Each structure stands twice: as structure tokens, then as C-alpha cells.
């Protein structure tokens, strides 16, 4: 990631993240629901969702709140937050608001939120300690923050399959994006939350298996988010060929006409 200008980095990657984003509820909200449970989010709560992007888990939180309380989708990518807003509007959720900014310096008062969530966002900022400490600052005393980060690269074989498929299609090597897994080793998240002042810290490995039919847009979205500057110019035939390359590389995960994909992450939960 370009640490000198992270806002431009994510602005340039927005198109890839918006590729294939559902206009409504998430097609797979497994981790969203786990975050909601971990943060003990209840109707009427005021929730902050950090690194919300196009609205996951913001939309799932809004649905859980049942149009009570509020959830603030916070991200530095304005284009992605616009997608989150449209999703909320299409679903009739009136308890969603968005705010642009940097997780390292939150523009909110102390003791303001009943819960903080962050799905796959804490790995990327340069100053992860500041992000965790700021989340703690804006929480109400006794409230929880729940963080989800990817587990190790080896525990998520689709990462390698996507990389191999991209390499075959474009005829060049694409090194793995190890920054996605920088907090994936056991204990890393617990240590960070402890340094940031959280108490009653819990860290655990979570996993499930996702069955994806051949031809599903799952691999397309993964490729778009990996190298948006290259995939953004592909036509539909180009995409079809690229996805075929990725599915070939993922043959070890094939189960008949589908792929049995292990999805592995780590949860960190801390109390203020």
C-alpha cells in the first residue's frame, strides 16, 4: 500500500471493490453476523463500522438494528461509501450514515458509540496501534470493538489460486498481497488490542466453507480487487477467459460443478 497517500491508494482501488458488489443485502454475511454477535450489537445502538467500503458489514448491522439506532459507515474512499449509501437507500434503511476520514484520527467525540466493528480493514493502515486506540477512545465505557482480519495466506488457498490464474492470463508474475495477512498469525491481534488499552480481550480463529458454483462471480470479484488497474479494461470475453484460468488454478478445491472454498479469518474482541 502507498503509505505516503493511502487515500489515493484506496481511491484507485475503488473500482475493483465495487466490481460485483450486490445492490442490496450481502450474498454471504457469515462474517458480518459474527461481528454483530461479537460486538453484542442490539436494537437502538449507535454503531461505528470502520473501513466500511461499499457497506459490509454496515448493511447487515442496519438490518440487525431494524431501523432503530444508527450505524455510521466510515471509510476514506468516497466512491465506495456512495455505494454503501445507495444500498441502504434501496433497502429502505434510514439508520445508515456515512463519514469520510482516516481510522488513525477519528472525527468523533470520546465515549460516543455503543459498538465498533471493522471487517478486513485493520491490516492496511501503517499505524495500526493508532487505529485501535482511536476505536477505543470513541467507544462508551464497557462497550466492545470487534475486529476481523484475514488469517494466514496458507490458510486461504483461494488467494494463491487467484494469483496463479492472473499470472497465467496476463503472462507475468503477481506477488501475493501479504499485507492482507499481516495480522493473521495467532496472537498478533490480541497483542495489538492490548497495547491500545482494551480489556477482556479475546482472539479466536474462525472459519467456514463456502460452496461456489463454477462461473459464479466470486473469482471475478477477487481478481478485480487484486489488480483493478489491469482488470478494469477487460471486456466480458476477457473476464470469461480470466475466470477460467483462476478456476483451473483452483482445481484442488473443485467439488463436482462447484468449488469448496475454506474461508479463514481471525477475530479480535476488546472491551473499553
C-alpha atoms as a PDB file:
ATOM      1  CA  UNK A   1       0.000   0.000   0.000  1.00  0.00           C
ATOM      2  CA  UNK A   2       1.150   3.542  -0.703  1.00  0.00           C
ATOM      3  CA  UNK A   3       1.693   4.753   2.862  1.00  0.00           C
ATOM      4  CA  UNK A   4       2.536   8.250   1.596  1.00  0.00           C
ATOM      5  CA  UNK A   5      -1.013   8.767   0.330  1.00  0.00           C
ATOM      6  CA  UNK A   6      -3.368   5.984   1.450  1.00  0.00           C
ATOM      7  CA  UNK A   7      -6.435   7.970   0.382  1.00  0.00           C
ATOM      8  CA  UNK A   8      -5.270   7.972  -3.240  1.00  0.00           C
ATOM      9  CA  UNK A   9      -4.366   4.295  -2.930  1.00  0.00           C
ATOM     10  CA  UNK A  10      -7.910   3.346  -1.959  1.00  0.00           C
ATOM     11  CA  UNK A  11      -9.448   5.769  -4.425  1.00  0.00           C
ATOM     12  CA  UNK A  12      -7.551   3.982  -7.183  1.00  0.00           C
ATOM     13  CA  UNK A  13      -8.712   0.609  -5.887  1.00  0.00           C
ATOM     14  CA  UNK A  14     -12.370   1.606  -5.501  1.00  0.00           C
ATOM     15  CA  UNK A  15     -13.402   0.344  -8.937  1.00  0.00           C
ATOM     16  CA  UNK A  16     -12.135  -3.123  -8.093  1.00  0.00           C
ATOM     17  CA  UNK A  17     -14.030  -3.248  -4.836  1.00  0.00           C
ATOM     18  CA  UNK A  18     -17.216  -2.001  -6.458  1.00  0.00           C
ATOM     19  CA  UNK A  19     -16.993  -4.739  -9.123  1.00  0.00           C
ATOM     20  CA  UNK A  20     -19.823  -7.156  -8.441  1.00  0.00           C
ATOM     21  CA  UNK A  21     -20.974  -5.501  -5.207  1.00  0.00           C
ATOM     22  CA  UNK A  22     -24.541  -6.538  -4.507  1.00  0.00           C
ATOM     23  CA  UNK A  23     -27.061  -3.654  -4.666  1.00  0.00           C
ATOM     24  CA  UNK A  24     -28.861  -5.000  -1.595  1.00  0.00           C
ATOM     25  CA  UNK A  25     -28.050  -7.332   1.264  1.00  0.00           C
ATOM     26  CA  UNK A  26     -24.802  -9.283   1.206  1.00  0.00           C
ATOM     27  CA  UNK A  27     -24.863 -12.606  -0.629  1.00  0.00           C
ATOM     28  CA  UNK A  28     -22.699 -14.059   2.148  1.00  0.00           C
ATOM     29  CA  UNK A  29     -22.970 -12.349   5.521  1.00  0.00           C
ATOM     30  CA  UNK A  30     -21.313 -15.059   7.621  1.00  0.00           C
ATOM     31  CA  UNK A  31     -18.579 -12.819   8.987  1.00  0.00           C
ATOM     32  CA  UNK A  32     -20.959  -9.859   9.288  1.00  0.00           C
ATOM     33  CA  UNK A  33     -23.206 -11.824  11.625  1.00  0.00           C
ATOM     34  CA  UNK A  34     -20.229 -12.965  13.681  1.00  0.00           C
ATOM     35  CA  UNK A  35     -19.106  -9.348  14.091  1.00  0.00           C
ATOM     36  CA  UNK A  36     -22.591  -8.321  15.206  1.00  0.00           C
ATOM     37  CA  UNK A  37     -22.638 -11.116  17.758  1.00  0.00           C
ATOM     38  CA  UNK A  38     -19.100 -10.405  18.983  1.00  0.00           C
ATOM     39  CA  UNK A  39     -19.795  -6.701  19.493  1.00  0.00           C
ATOM     40  CA  UNK A  40     -23.139  -7.504  21.186  1.00  0.00           C
ATOM     41  CA  UNK A  41     -24.963  -5.056  18.923  1.00  0.00           C
ATOM     42  CA  UNK A  42     -28.590  -4.568  19.958  1.00  0.00           C
ATOM     43  CA  UNK A  43     -31.539  -2.558  18.576  1.00  0.00           C
ATOM     44  CA  UNK A  44     -31.200   1.113  19.442  1.00  0.00           C
ATOM     45  CA  UNK A  45     -27.397   1.051  19.483  1.00  0.00           C
ATOM     46  CA  UNK A  46     -25.202   3.700  17.888  1.00  0.00           C
ATOM     47  CA  UNK A  47     -22.582   1.717  15.928  1.00  0.00           C
ATOM     48  CA  UNK A  48     -19.411   2.731  14.098  1.00  0.00           C
ATOM     49  CA  UNK A  49     -18.307   0.482  11.223  1.00  0.00           C
ATOM     50  CA  UNK A  50     -14.690   1.225  10.315  1.00  0.00           C
ATOM     51  CA  UNK A  51     -13.238   0.635   6.834  1.00  0.00           C
ATOM     52  CA  UNK A  52     -16.821   0.074   5.710  1.00  0.00           C
ATOM     53  CA  UNK A  53     -16.094   0.319   1.989  1.00  0.00           C
ATOM     54  CA  UNK A  54     -19.179  -0.485  -0.060  1.00  0.00           C
ATOM     55  CA  UNK A  55     -21.207  -1.357   3.023  1.00  0.00           C
ATOM     56  CA  UNK A  56     -20.183  -4.654   4.554  1.00  0.00           C
ATOM     57  CA  UNK A  57     -20.927  -5.161   7.383  1.00  0.00           C
ATOM     58  CA  UNK A  58     -22.759  -1.814   7.584  1.00  0.00           C
ATOM     59  CA  UNK A  59     -25.820  -3.113   5.727  1.00  0.00           C
ATOM     60  CA  UNK A  60     -26.038  -6.248   7.870  1.00  0.00           C
ATOM     61  CA  UNK A  61     -25.757  -4.118  11.021  1.00  0.00           C
ATOM     62  CA  UNK A  62     -28.510  -1.769   9.824  1.00  0.00           C
ATOM     63  CA  UNK A  63     -30.732  -4.761   9.136  1.00  0.00           C
ATOM     64  CA  UNK A  64     -29.999  -6.183  12.586  1.00  0.00           C
ATOM     65  CA  UNK A  65     -30.851  -2.851  14.205  1.00  0.00           C
ATOM     66  CA  UNK A  66     -34.231  -2.931  12.471  1.00  0.00           C
ATOM     67  CA  UNK A  67     -34.172   0.756  11.534  1.00  0.00           C
ATOM     68  CA  UNK A  68     -33.559   1.702  15.159  1.00  0.00           C
ATOM     69  CA  UNK A  69     -30.383   3.339  16.420  1.00  0.00           C
ATOM     70  CA  UNK A  70     -27.795   4.164  13.802  1.00  0.00           C
ATOM     71  CA  UNK A  71     -24.728   2.810  12.041  1.00  0.00           C
ATOM     72  CA  UNK A  72     -22.035   5.089  10.663  1.00  0.00           C
ATOM     73  CA  UNK A  73     -20.098   3.683   7.703  1.00  0.00           C
ATOM     74  CA  UNK A  74     -16.610   5.179   7.957  1.00  0.00           C
ATOM     75  CA  UNK A  75     -14.023   4.953   5.170  1.00  0.00           C
ATOM     76  CA  UNK A  76     -11.529   7.108   3.305  1.00  0.00           C
ATOM     77  CA  UNK A  77     -12.873   6.094  -0.132  1.00  0.00           C
ATOM     78  CA  UNK A  78     -15.761   8.392  -1.065  1.00  0.00           C
ATOM     79  CA  UNK A  79     -16.750   6.333  -4.126  1.00  0.00           C
ATOM     80  CA  UNK A  80     -17.167   3.182  -2.084  1.00  0.00           C
ATOM     81  CA  UNK A  81     -19.193   4.949   0.595  1.00  0.00           C
ATOM     82  CA  UNK A  82     -21.516   6.216  -2.143  1.00  0.00           C
ATOM     83  CA  UNK A  83     -22.250   2.574  -2.999  1.00  0.00           C
ATOM     84  CA  UNK A  84     -22.998   1.856   0.663  1.00  0.00           C
ATOM     85  CA  UNK A  85     -25.441   4.755   0.719  1.00  0.00           C
ATOM     86  CA  UNK A  86     -27.246   3.504  -2.396  1.00  0.00           C
ATOM     87  CA  UNK A  87     -27.508   0.011  -0.940  1.00  0.00           C
ATOM     88  CA  UNK A  88     -29.033   1.368   2.267  1.00  0.00           C
ATOM     89  CA  UNK A  89     -31.497   3.502   0.333  1.00  0.00           C
ATOM     90  CA  UNK A  90     -32.540   0.602  -1.911  1.00  0.00           C
ATOM     91  CA  UNK A  91     -33.315  -1.486   1.178  1.00  0.00           C
ATOM     92  CA  UNK A  92     -35.208   1.305   2.914  1.00  0.00           C
ATOM     93  CA  UNK A  93     -32.743   1.628   5.785  1.00  0.00           C
ATOM     94  CA  UNK A  94     -32.943   5.116   7.257  1.00  0.00           C
ATOM     95  CA  UNK A  95     -30.455   4.477  10.053  1.00  0.00           C
ATOM     96  CA  UNK A  96     -27.282   4.497   7.919  1.00  0.00           C
ATOM     97  CA  UNK A  97     -24.967   7.474   7.588  1.00  0.00           C
ATOM     98  CA  UNK A  98     -21.517   7.764   6.063  1.00  0.00           C
ATOM     99  CA  UNK A  99     -18.406   9.673   7.047  1.00  0.00           C
ATOM    100  CA  UNK A 100     -15.148  10.065   5.142  1.00  0.00           C
ATOM    101  CA  UNK A 101     -11.904  10.024   7.076  1.00  0.00           C
ATOM    102  CA  UNK A 102      -8.853   8.186   8.379  1.00  0.00           C
ATOM    103  CA  UNK A 103      -9.100   5.446  11.027  1.00  0.00           C
ATOM    104  CA  UNK A 104      -5.917   6.757  12.608  1.00  0.00           C
ATOM    105  CA  UNK A 105      -7.664  10.019  13.578  1.00  0.00           C
ATOM    106  CA  UNK A 106     -11.413   9.584  14.048  1.00  0.00           C
ATOM    107  CA  UNK A 107     -13.564  12.751  13.883  1.00  0.00           C
ATOM    108  CA  UNK A 108     -15.834  11.683  16.745  1.00  0.00           C
ATOM    109  CA  UNK A 109     -16.145  12.618  20.401  1.00  0.00           C
ATOM    110  CA  UNK A 110     -14.939  10.397  23.216  1.00  0.00           C
ATOM    111  CA  UNK A 111     -17.357   7.790  24.629  1.00  0.00           C
ATOM    112  CA  UNK A 112     -19.710   8.122  21.670  1.00  0.00           C
ATOM    113  CA  UNK A 113     -20.531   4.648  20.291  1.00  0.00           C
ATOM    114  CA  UNK A 114     -22.178   1.542  21.721  1.00  0.00           C
ATOM    115  CA  UNK A 115     -20.082  -0.715  19.473  1.00  0.00           C
ATOM    116  CA  UNK A 116     -17.306  -0.537  16.876  1.00  0.00           C
ATOM    117  CA  UNK A 117     -16.797  -3.060  14.088  1.00  0.00           C
ATOM    118  CA  UNK A 118     -14.129  -3.445  11.438  1.00  0.00           C
ATOM    119  CA  UNK A 119     -14.122  -6.159   8.791  1.00  0.00           C
ATOM    120  CA  UNK A 120     -10.831  -6.689   6.949  1.00  0.00           C
ATOM    121  CA  UNK A 121      -9.610  -3.135   7.393  1.00  0.00           C
ATOM    122  CA  UNK A 122      -7.103  -3.111  10.237  1.00  0.00           C
ATOM    123  CA  UNK A 123      -4.400  -4.868   8.210  1.00  0.00           C
ATOM    124  CA  UNK A 124      -3.812  -1.944   5.846  1.00  0.00           C
ATOM    125  CA  UNK A 125      -3.097   1.277   7.819  1.00  0.00           C
ATOM    126  CA  UNK A 126       0.519   1.997   8.625  1.00  0.00           C
ATOM    127  CA  UNK A 127      -0.246   2.926  12.237  1.00  0.00           C
ATOM    128  CA  UNK A 128      -2.436   0.067  13.395  1.00  0.00           C
ATOM    129  CA  UNK A 129      -1.958   0.994  17.036  1.00  0.00           C
ATOM    130  CA  UNK A 130      -3.473   4.451  16.409  1.00  0.00           C
ATOM    131  CA  UNK A 131      -6.471   2.845  14.679  1.00  0.00           C
ATOM    132  CA  UNK A 132      -7.148   0.527  17.601  1.00  0.00           C
ATOM    133  CA  UNK A 133      -6.580   3.264  20.180  1.00  0.00           C
ATOM    134  CA  UNK A 134      -8.917   5.651  18.361  1.00  0.00           C
ATOM    135  CA  UNK A 135     -11.616   2.989  18.206  1.00  0.00           C
ATOM    136  CA  UNK A 136     -11.289   2.507  21.945  1.00  0.00           C
ATOM    137  CA  UNK A 137     -11.451   6.274  22.545  1.00  0.00           C
ATOM    138  CA  UNK A 138     -14.795   6.724  20.780  1.00  0.00           C
ATOM    139  CA  UNK A 139     -16.381   3.711  22.487  1.00  0.00           C
ATOM    140  CA  UNK A 140     -18.550   4.142  25.538  1.00  0.00           C
ATOM    141  CA  UNK A 141     -17.113   2.616  28.717  1.00  0.00           C
ATOM    142  CA  UNK A 142     -17.953  -1.083  28.865  1.00  0.00           C
ATOM    143  CA  UNK A 143     -18.671  -1.250  25.119  1.00  0.00           C
ATOM    144  CA  UNK A 144     -16.992  -3.615  22.674  1.00  0.00           C
ATOM    145  CA  UNK A 145     -14.987  -3.376  19.490  1.00  0.00           C
ATOM    146  CA  UNK A 146     -14.889  -6.404  17.190  1.00  0.00           C
ATOM    147  CA  UNK A 147     -12.213  -6.738  14.530  1.00  0.00           C
ATOM    148  CA  UNK A 148     -11.978  -9.248  11.712  1.00  0.00           C
ATOM    149  CA  UNK A 149      -8.722  -9.814   9.814  1.00  0.00           C
ATOM    150  CA  UNK A 150      -7.684 -12.462   7.322  1.00  0.00           C
ATOM    151  CA  UNK A 151      -5.821 -15.448   8.699  1.00  0.00           C
ATOM    152  CA  UNK A 152      -2.540 -16.503   7.100  1.00  0.00           C
ATOM    153  CA  UNK A 153      -2.031 -16.744   3.364  1.00  0.00           C
ATOM    154  CA  UNK A 154      -1.618 -20.522   3.514  1.00  0.00           C
ATOM    155  CA  UNK A 155      -4.930 -20.944   5.331  1.00  0.00           C
ATOM    156  CA  UNK A 156      -6.799 -19.257   2.462  1.00  0.00           C
ATOM    157  CA  UNK A 157      -5.893 -21.196  -0.707  1.00  0.00           C
ATOM    158  CA  UNK A 158      -8.078 -19.121  -2.993  1.00  0.00           C
ATOM    159  CA  UNK A 159      -5.521 -16.308  -2.627  1.00  0.00           C
ATOM    160  CA  UNK A 160      -2.933 -18.486  -4.339  1.00  0.00           C
ATOM    161  CA  UNK A 161      -5.407 -19.685  -6.951  1.00  0.00           C
ATOM    162  CA  UNK A 162      -6.355 -16.132  -7.916  1.00  0.00           C
ATOM    163  CA  UNK A 163      -2.701 -15.155  -8.122  1.00  0.00           C
ATOM    164  CA  UNK A 164      -1.888 -18.185 -10.285  1.00  0.00           C
ATOM    165  CA  UNK A 165      -4.843 -17.543 -12.590  1.00  0.00           C
ATOM    166  CA  UNK A 166      -3.854 -13.906 -13.030  1.00  0.00           C
ATOM    167  CA  UNK A 167      -0.292 -14.931 -13.810  1.00  0.00           C
ATOM    168  CA  UNK A 168      -1.434 -17.396 -16.473  1.00  0.00           C
ATOM    169  CA  UNK A 169      -3.822 -14.943 -18.098  1.00  0.00           C
ATOM    170  CA  UNK A 170      -1.506 -11.908 -18.145  1.00  0.00           C
ATOM    171  CA  UNK A 171       1.708 -13.871 -18.644  1.00  0.00           C
ATOM    172  CA  UNK A 172       3.527 -12.294 -15.719  1.00  0.00           C
ATOM    173  CA  UNK A 173       4.082 -12.903 -12.029  1.00  0.00           C
ATOM    174  CA  UNK A 174       1.836 -11.276  -9.453  1.00  0.00           C
ATOM    175  CA  UNK A 175       3.333 -11.478  -5.963  1.00  0.00           C
ATOM    176  CA  UNK A 176       0.921 -12.272  -3.144  1.00  0.00           C
ATOM    177  CA  UNK A 177      -0.526  -9.304  -1.258  1.00  0.00           C
ATOM    178  CA  UNK A 178       0.875 -10.339   2.096  1.00  0.00           C
ATOM    179  CA  UNK A 179      -0.319  -7.100   3.727  1.00  0.00           C
ATOM    180  CA  UNK A 180      -3.778  -8.706   3.806  1.00  0.00           C
ATOM    181  CA  UNK A 181      -2.426 -11.358   6.176  1.00  0.00           C
ATOM    182  CA  UNK A 182      -0.110  -9.267   8.333  1.00  0.00           C
ATOM    183  CA  UNK A 183      -2.290  -9.794  11.435  1.00  0.00           C
ATOM    184  CA  UNK A 184      -3.170 -13.382  10.566  1.00  0.00           C
ATOM    185  CA  UNK A 185      -0.827 -15.183  12.927  1.00  0.00           C
ATOM    186  CA  UNK A 186      -2.157 -16.278  16.295  1.00  0.00           C
ATOM    187  CA  UNK A 187      -1.629 -13.637  18.968  1.00  0.00           C
ATOM    188  CA  UNK A 188      -0.958 -10.653  16.692  1.00  0.00           C
ATOM    189  CA  UNK A 189      -4.425  -9.169  17.076  1.00  0.00           C
ATOM    190  CA  UNK A 190      -4.540  -9.836  20.822  1.00  0.00           C
ATOM    191  CA  UNK A 191      -1.200  -8.076  21.292  1.00  0.00           C
ATOM    192  CA  UNK A 192      -2.302  -5.022  19.295  1.00  0.00           C
ATOM    193  CA  UNK A 193      -5.587  -4.614  21.159  1.00  0.00           C
ATOM    194  CA  UNK A 194      -3.807  -4.960  24.483  1.00  0.00           C
ATOM    195  CA  UNK A 195      -1.305  -2.265  23.565  1.00  0.00           C
ATOM    196  CA  UNK A 196      -4.215   0.004  22.595  1.00  0.00           C
ATOM    197  CA  UNK A 197      -5.723  -0.302  26.073  1.00  0.00           C
ATOM    198  CA  UNK A 198      -8.566  -2.765  25.513  1.00  0.00           C
ATOM    199  CA  UNK A 199      -9.515  -5.147  28.302  1.00  0.00           C
ATOM    200  CA  UNK A 200     -11.165  -8.584  28.424  1.00  0.00           C
ATOM    201  CA  UNK A 201      -9.527  -9.289  25.087  1.00  0.00           C
ATOM    202  CA  UNK A 202     -10.466 -12.368  23.116  1.00  0.00           C
ATOM    203  CA  UNK A 203      -8.858 -13.604  19.933  1.00  0.00           C
ATOM    204  CA  UNK A 204     -10.026 -16.647  18.036  1.00  0.00           C
ATOM    205  CA  UNK A 205      -9.696 -18.352  14.691  1.00  0.00           C
ATOM    206  CA  UNK A 206     -12.931 -18.575  12.723  1.00  0.00           C
ATOM    207  CA  UNK A 207     -13.567 -20.489   9.539  1.00  0.00           C
ATOM    208  CA  UNK A 208     -16.300 -21.829   7.336  1.00  0.00           C
ATOM    209  CA  UNK A 209     -16.561 -23.427   3.941  1.00  0.00           C
ATOM    210  CA  UNK A 210     -18.206 -21.580   1.088  1.00  0.00           C
ATOM    211  CA  UNK A 211     -19.515 -23.536  -1.892  1.00  0.00           C
ATOM    212  CA  UNK A 212     -19.224 -21.521  -5.099  1.00  0.00           C
ATOM    213  CA  UNK A 213     -20.644 -22.775  -8.375  1.00  0.00           C
ATOM    214  CA  UNK A 214     -18.412 -22.757 -11.424  1.00  0.00           C
ATOM    215  CA  UNK A 215     -18.967 -19.492 -13.268  1.00  0.00           C
ATOM    216  CA  UNK A 216     -20.065 -17.638 -10.146  1.00  0.00           C
ATOM    217  CA  UNK A 217     -18.686 -14.080  -9.871  1.00  0.00           C
ATOM    218  CA  UNK A 218     -16.759 -14.981  -6.691  1.00  0.00           C
ATOM    219  CA  UNK A 219     -13.429 -15.349  -8.508  1.00  0.00           C
ATOM    220  CA  UNK A 220     -14.158 -12.348 -10.711  1.00  0.00           C
ATOM    221  CA  UNK A 221     -14.624 -10.110  -7.690  1.00  0.00           C
ATOM    222  CA  UNK A 222     -11.449 -11.474  -6.107  1.00  0.00           C
ATOM    223  CA  UNK A 223      -9.438 -10.729  -9.246  1.00  0.00           C
ATOM    224  CA  UNK A 224     -10.922  -7.244  -9.594  1.00  0.00           C
ATOM    225  CA  UNK A 225      -9.922  -6.385  -6.038  1.00  0.00           C
ATOM    226  CA  UNK A 226      -6.406  -7.738  -6.502  1.00  0.00           C
ATOM    227  CA  UNK A 227      -5.299  -5.771  -9.581  1.00  0.00           C
ATOM    228  CA  UNK A 228      -8.092  -3.328 -10.501  1.00  0.00           C
ATOM    229  CA  UNK A 229      -5.750  -1.301 -12.711  1.00  0.00           C
ATOM    230  CA  UNK A 230      -5.377  -4.332 -15.006  1.00  0.00           C
ATOM    231  CA  UNK A 231      -8.779  -5.992 -14.843  1.00  0.00           C
ATOM    232  CA  UNK A 232     -10.679  -2.719 -15.237  1.00  0.00           C
ATOM    233  CA  UNK A 233     -10.129  -2.738 -19.005  1.00  0.00           C
ATOM    234  CA  UNK A 234     -11.304  -6.308 -19.621  1.00  0.00           C
ATOM    235  CA  UNK A 235     -14.370  -6.969 -21.756  1.00  0.00           C
ATOM    236  CA  UNK A 236     -16.747  -9.825 -20.961  1.00  0.00           C
ATOM    237  CA  UNK A 237     -14.804 -12.320 -23.074  1.00  0.00           C
ATOM    238  CA  UNK A 238     -11.621 -11.313 -21.313  1.00  0.00           C
ATOM    239  CA  UNK A 239     -13.288 -11.839 -17.957  1.00  0.00           C
ATOM    240  CA  UNK A 240     -14.595 -15.229 -19.023  1.00  0.00           C
ATOM    241  CA  UNK A 241     -11.118 -16.353 -20.003  1.00  0.00           C
ATOM    242  CA  UNK A 242      -9.531 -14.964 -16.838  1.00  0.00           C
ATOM    243  CA  UNK A 243     -12.072 -16.638 -14.555  1.00  0.00           C
ATOM    244  CA  UNK A 244     -11.464 -19.918 -16.393  1.00  0.00           C
ATOM    245  CA  UNK A 245      -7.737 -19.556 -15.644  1.00  0.00           C
ATOM    246  CA  UNK A 246      -8.463 -18.971 -11.963  1.00  0.00           C
ATOM    247  CA  UNK A 247     -10.878 -21.901 -11.767  1.00  0.00           C
ATOM    248  CA  UNK A 248      -8.207 -24.086 -13.352  1.00  0.00           C
ATOM    249  CA  UNK A 249      -5.714 -22.969 -10.719  1.00  0.00           C
ATOM    250  CA  UNK A 250      -8.302 -23.752  -8.030  1.00  0.00           C
ATOM    251  CA  UNK A 251      -8.903 -27.295  -9.307  1.00  0.00           C
ATOM    252  CA  UNK A 252      -7.840 -28.799  -5.962  1.00  0.00           C
ATOM    253  CA  UNK A 253     -10.900 -27.124  -4.436  1.00  0.00           C
ATOM    254  CA  UNK A 254     -13.324 -28.376  -7.073  1.00  0.00           C
ATOM    255  CA  UNK A 255     -16.289 -30.395  -5.886  1.00  0.00           C
ATOM    256  CA  UNK A 256     -18.240 -31.533  -8.949  1.00  0.00           C
ATOM    257  CA  UNK A 257     -19.618 -28.423 -10.607  1.00  0.00           C
ATOM    258  CA  UNK A 258     -18.630 -26.191  -7.720  1.00  0.00           C
ATOM    259  CA  UNK A 259     -15.689 -25.190  -5.519  1.00  0.00           C
ATOM    260  CA  UNK A 260     -15.484 -25.987  -1.817  1.00  0.00           C
ATOM    261  CA  UNK A 261     -13.633 -22.931  -0.506  1.00  0.00           C
ATOM    262  CA  UNK A 262     -12.218 -22.656   3.014  1.00  0.00           C
ATOM    263  CA  UNK A 263     -12.535 -19.104   4.327  1.00  0.00           C
ATOM    264  CA  UNK A 264     -10.372 -18.491   7.392  1.00  0.00           C
ATOM    265  CA  UNK A 265     -10.045 -15.344   9.483  1.00  0.00           C
ATOM    266  CA  UNK A 266      -9.191 -14.216  12.998  1.00  0.00           C
ATOM    267  CA  UNK A 267     -11.452 -12.283  15.330  1.00  0.00           C
ATOM    268  CA  UNK A 268     -10.285  -9.866  17.966  1.00  0.00           C
ATOM    269  CA  UNK A 269     -12.716  -8.569  20.569  1.00  0.00           C
ATOM    270  CA  UNK A 270     -11.909  -5.940  23.167  1.00  0.00           C
ATOM    271  CA  UNK A 271     -13.841  -4.091  25.863  1.00  0.00           C
ATOM    272  CA  UNK A 272     -13.264  -0.473  26.858  1.00  0.00           C
END
